[in-house]
Amino acid sequence: MAKKCPITGKGPLVGNNVSHANNKTKRRYLPNLQSKRFWLEGEKRFVRLRITTRGMRIIDKHGIEAVLNNMVLREQISG
């Protein structure tokens, strides 16, 4: 499964672990992905999304219907 949020587009970042002796080794910073079910009132069904906690806040603010419509429009424009 991809480690990317479909709503915010956030994905893994790359950085360094830095020890007390200032040794640097590569590491990945993963987004805070959560599995969550949302109720779609228009379709009378649940939809399961794997989104970041930031994406959950966006859905709380704008509503699931508006966010999904925006995702569909972005896919149509880019694809």
N, C-alpha and C. Protein backbone atom coordinates (compact mmCIF):
# COMPACT_ATOMS: atom_id res chain seq x y z
N MET A 1 0.84 -1.18 0.00
CA MET A 1 0.00 0.00 0.00
C MET A 1 0.88 1.25 0.00
N ALA A 2 0.52 2.23 -0.78
CA ALA A 2 1.32 3.44 -0.89
C ALA A 2 1.27 4.24 0.40
N LYS A 3 2.39 4.80 0.79
CA LYS A 3 2.45 5.62 1.99
C LYS A 3 2.25 7.08 1.61
N LYS A 4 1.10 7.36 0.98
CA LYS A 4 0.80 8.71 0.53
C LYS A 4 -0.67 9.01 0.79
N CYS A 5 -0.95 10.20 1.25
CA CYS A 5 -2.33 10.61 1.53
C CYS A 5 -2.99 11.10 0.24
N PRO A 6 -4.15 10.55 -0.11
CA PRO A 6 -4.81 10.99 -1.35
C PRO A 6 -5.39 12.40 -1.26
N ILE A 7 -5.62 12.90 -0.06
CA ILE A 7 -6.22 14.22 0.10
C ILE A 7 -5.17 15.31 0.12
N THR A 8 -4.16 15.17 0.97
CA THR A 8 -3.15 16.21 1.10
C THR A 8 -1.97 16.01 0.16
N GLY A 9 -1.77 14.77 -0.31
CA GLY A 9 -0.64 14.48 -1.18
C GLY A 9 0.66 14.29 -0.43
N LYS A 10 0.59 14.26 0.91
CA LYS A 10 1.82 14.11 1.70
C LYS A 10 2.35 12.70 1.57
N GLY A 11 3.66 12.59 1.43
CA GLY A 11 4.33 11.30 1.31
C GLY A 11 5.56 11.28 2.20
N PRO A 12 6.36 10.24 2.12
CA PRO A 12 7.55 10.15 2.95
C PRO A 12 8.58 11.23 2.61
N LEU A 13 9.29 11.68 3.62
CA LEU A 13 10.40 12.61 3.46
C LEU A 13 11.68 11.90 3.87
N VAL A 14 12.82 12.39 3.41
CA VAL A 14 14.11 11.79 3.73
C VAL A 14 14.92 12.76 4.57
N GLY A 15 15.58 12.20 5.59
CA GLY A 15 16.42 13.02 6.46
C GLY A 15 17.53 12.18 7.05
N ASN A 16 18.09 12.68 8.13
CA ASN A 16 19.20 11.99 8.79
C ASN A 16 18.88 11.75 10.25
N ASN A 17 19.32 10.58 10.75
CA ASN A 17 19.45 10.37 12.19
C ASN A 17 20.79 10.97 12.56
N VAL A 18 20.82 11.78 13.59
CA VAL A 18 22.09 12.39 14.01
C VAL A 18 22.37 11.94 15.43
N SER A 19 23.49 11.24 15.63
CA SER A 19 23.85 10.72 16.94
C SER A 19 24.53 11.82 17.77
N HIS A 20 24.76 11.49 19.03
CA HIS A 20 25.46 12.43 19.92
C HIS A 20 26.86 12.73 19.40
N ALA A 21 27.48 11.75 18.72
CA ALA A 21 28.81 11.93 18.15
C ALA A 21 28.74 12.59 16.77
N ASN A 22 27.55 13.04 16.38
CA ASN A 22 27.29 13.74 15.12
C ASN A 22 27.48 12.82 13.90
N ASN A 23 27.28 11.50 14.10
CA ASN A 23 27.25 10.58 12.96
C ASN A 23 25.88 10.69 12.31
N LYS A 24 25.87 10.69 10.99
CA LYS A 24 24.60 10.84 10.27
C LYS A 24 24.31 9.58 9.46
N THR A 25 23.09 9.05 9.62
CA THR A 25 22.62 7.93 8.82
C THR A 25 21.26 8.29 8.25
N LYS A 26 21.00 7.83 7.04
CA LYS A 26 19.75 8.17 6.36
C LYS A 26 18.55 7.53 7.06
N ARG A 27 17.44 8.23 7.03
CA ARG A 27 16.19 7.71 7.57
C ARG A 27 15.03 8.30 6.79
N ARG A 28 13.84 7.72 6.97
CA ARG A 28 12.63 8.22 6.31
C ARG A 28 11.66 8.73 7.37
N TYR A 29 11.06 9.86 7.09
CA TYR A 29 9.98 10.38 7.92
C TYR A 29 8.68 10.04 7.22
N LEU A 30 7.88 9.14 7.81
CA LEU A 30 6.64 8.69 7.19
C LEU A 30 5.48 9.58 7.63
N PRO A 31 4.49 9.79 6.75
CA PRO A 31 3.31 10.57 7.15
C PRO A 31 2.46 9.77 8.14
N ASN A 32 1.69 10.48 8.94
CA ASN A 32 0.85 9.86 9.97
C ASN A 32 -0.44 9.36 9.33
N LEU A 33 -0.37 8.20 8.67
CA LEU A 33 -1.53 7.64 7.97
C LEU A 33 -2.39 6.82 8.92
N GLN A 34 -3.69 7.02 8.80
CA GLN A 34 -4.67 6.30 9.60
C GLN A 34 -5.74 5.74 8.68
N SER A 35 -6.26 4.55 9.00
CA SER A 35 -7.39 3.99 8.26
C SER A 35 -8.67 4.48 8.91
N LYS A 36 -9.58 5.03 8.12
CA LYS A 36 -10.80 5.61 8.67
C LYS A 36 -11.95 5.38 7.72
N ARG A 37 -13.12 5.06 8.29
CA ARG A 37 -14.35 4.91 7.49
C ARG A 37 -15.14 6.20 7.56
N PHE A 38 -15.65 6.64 6.43
CA PHE A 38 -16.49 7.83 6.37
C PHE A 38 -17.82 7.45 5.74
N TRP A 39 -18.89 8.01 6.27
CA TRP A 39 -20.23 7.75 5.76
C TRP A 39 -20.54 8.74 4.63
N LEU A 40 -20.86 8.20 3.46
CA LEU A 40 -21.28 9.03 2.33
C LEU A 40 -22.81 9.07 2.33
N GLU A 41 -23.36 10.20 2.68
CA GLU A 41 -24.82 10.33 2.79
C GLU A 41 -25.49 10.20 1.44
N GLY A 42 -24.88 10.76 0.40
CA GLY A 42 -25.46 10.71 -0.93
C GLY A 42 -25.57 9.30 -1.48
N GLU A 43 -24.61 8.44 -1.15
CA GLU A 43 -24.60 7.07 -1.67
C GLU A 43 -25.07 6.05 -0.64
N LYS A 44 -25.34 6.50 0.60
CA LYS A 44 -25.80 5.62 1.68
C LYS A 44 -24.86 4.44 1.91
N ARG A 45 -23.57 4.73 1.98
CA ARG A 45 -22.59 3.67 2.22
C ARG A 45 -21.35 4.27 2.88
N PHE A 46 -20.53 3.39 3.45
CA PHE A 46 -19.26 3.80 4.02
C PHE A 46 -18.18 3.71 2.96
N VAL A 47 -17.19 4.58 3.06
CA VAL A 47 -16.00 4.49 2.22
C VAL A 47 -14.80 4.51 3.16
N ARG A 48 -13.84 3.61 2.91
CA ARG A 48 -12.65 3.51 3.76
C ARG A 48 -11.50 4.22 3.07
N LEU A 49 -10.88 5.16 3.79
CA LEU A 49 -9.75 5.90 3.28
C LEU A 49 -8.56 5.74 4.20
N ARG A 50 -7.38 5.71 3.63
CA ARG A 50 -6.14 5.70 4.41
C ARG A 50 -5.52 7.09 4.25
N ILE A 51 -5.79 7.96 5.21
CA ILE A 51 -5.43 9.37 5.09
C ILE A 51 -4.64 9.82 6.31
N THR A 52 -4.00 10.98 6.17
CA THR A 52 -3.25 11.56 7.28
C THR A 52 -4.22 12.23 8.24
N THR A 53 -3.73 12.52 9.44
CA THR A 53 -4.56 13.20 10.42
C THR A 53 -4.88 14.61 9.94
N ARG A 54 -4.00 15.21 9.18
CA ARG A 54 -4.27 16.51 8.57
C ARG A 54 -5.44 16.40 7.59
N GLY A 55 -5.47 15.30 6.83
CA GLY A 55 -6.58 15.06 5.91
C GLY A 55 -7.90 14.91 6.65
N MET A 56 -7.87 14.29 7.84
CA MET A 56 -9.09 14.17 8.65
C MET A 56 -9.60 15.54 9.07
N ARG A 57 -8.68 16.43 9.40
CA ARG A 57 -9.08 17.79 9.79
C ARG A 57 -9.68 18.53 8.61
N ILE A 58 -9.16 18.31 7.42
CA ILE A 58 -9.71 18.94 6.22
C ILE A 58 -11.13 18.43 5.99
N ILE A 59 -11.35 17.11 6.18
CA ILE A 59 -12.69 16.54 6.01
C ILE A 59 -13.64 17.09 7.06
N ASP A 60 -13.17 17.25 8.30
CA ASP A 60 -14.01 17.83 9.35
C ASP A 60 -14.42 19.25 8.99
N LYS A 61 -13.55 19.98 8.36
CA LYS A 61 -13.82 21.38 8.04
C LYS A 61 -14.76 21.52 6.83
N HIS A 62 -14.47 20.78 5.75
CA HIS A 62 -15.20 20.98 4.50
C HIS A 62 -16.28 19.93 4.24
N GLY A 63 -16.20 18.78 4.89
CA GLY A 63 -17.15 17.69 4.66
C GLY A 63 -16.59 16.68 3.66
N ILE A 64 -16.99 15.43 3.84
CA ILE A 64 -16.44 14.34 3.02
C ILE A 64 -16.87 14.47 1.57
N GLU A 65 -18.11 14.89 1.32
CA GLU A 65 -18.62 14.99 -0.05
C GLU A 65 -17.80 16.01 -0.85
N ALA A 66 -17.56 17.18 -0.26
CA ALA A 66 -16.82 18.23 -0.95
C ALA A 66 -15.38 17.82 -1.22
N VAL A 67 -14.76 17.15 -0.25
CA VAL A 67 -13.36 16.73 -0.41
C VAL A 67 -13.24 15.67 -1.50
N LEU A 68 -14.15 14.70 -1.51
CA LEU A 68 -14.11 13.66 -2.54
C LEU A 68 -14.37 14.25 -3.93
N ASN A 69 -15.30 15.19 -4.03
CA ASN A 69 -15.55 15.85 -5.32
C ASN A 69 -14.30 16.59 -5.80
N ASN A 70 -13.60 17.25 -4.88
CA ASN A 70 -12.38 17.96 -5.22
C ASN A 70 -11.30 16.99 -5.69
N MET A 71 -11.20 15.80 -5.03
CA MET A 71 -10.23 14.78 -5.45
C MET A 71 -10.53 14.30 -6.86
N VAL A 72 -11.80 14.06 -7.16
CA VAL A 72 -12.20 13.58 -8.48
C VAL A 72 -11.89 14.62 -9.54
N LEU A 73 -12.15 15.89 -9.25
CA LEU A 73 -11.85 16.97 -10.20
C LEU A 73 -10.34 17.06 -10.46
N ARG A 74 -9.53 16.92 -9.42
CA ARG A 74 -8.08 16.97 -9.59
C ARG A 74 -7.59 15.83 -10.47
N GLU A 75 -8.16 14.64 -10.28
CA GLU A 75 -7.75 13.48 -11.09
C GLU A 75 -8.14 13.67 -12.54
N GLN A 76 -9.30 14.26 -12.80
CA GLN A 76 -9.74 14.49 -14.18
C GLN A 76 -8.85 15.50 -14.88
N ILE A 77 -8.44 16.53 -14.15
CA ILE A 77 -7.60 17.57 -14.75
C ILE A 77 -6.20 17.01 -15.02
N SER A 78 -5.63 16.28 -14.05
CA SER A 78 -4.26 15.79 -14.22
C SER A 78 -4.19 14.56 -15.11
N GLY A 79 -5.24 13.78 -15.19
CA GLY A 79 -5.16 12.53 -15.95
C GLY A 79 -5.99 12.57 -17.13
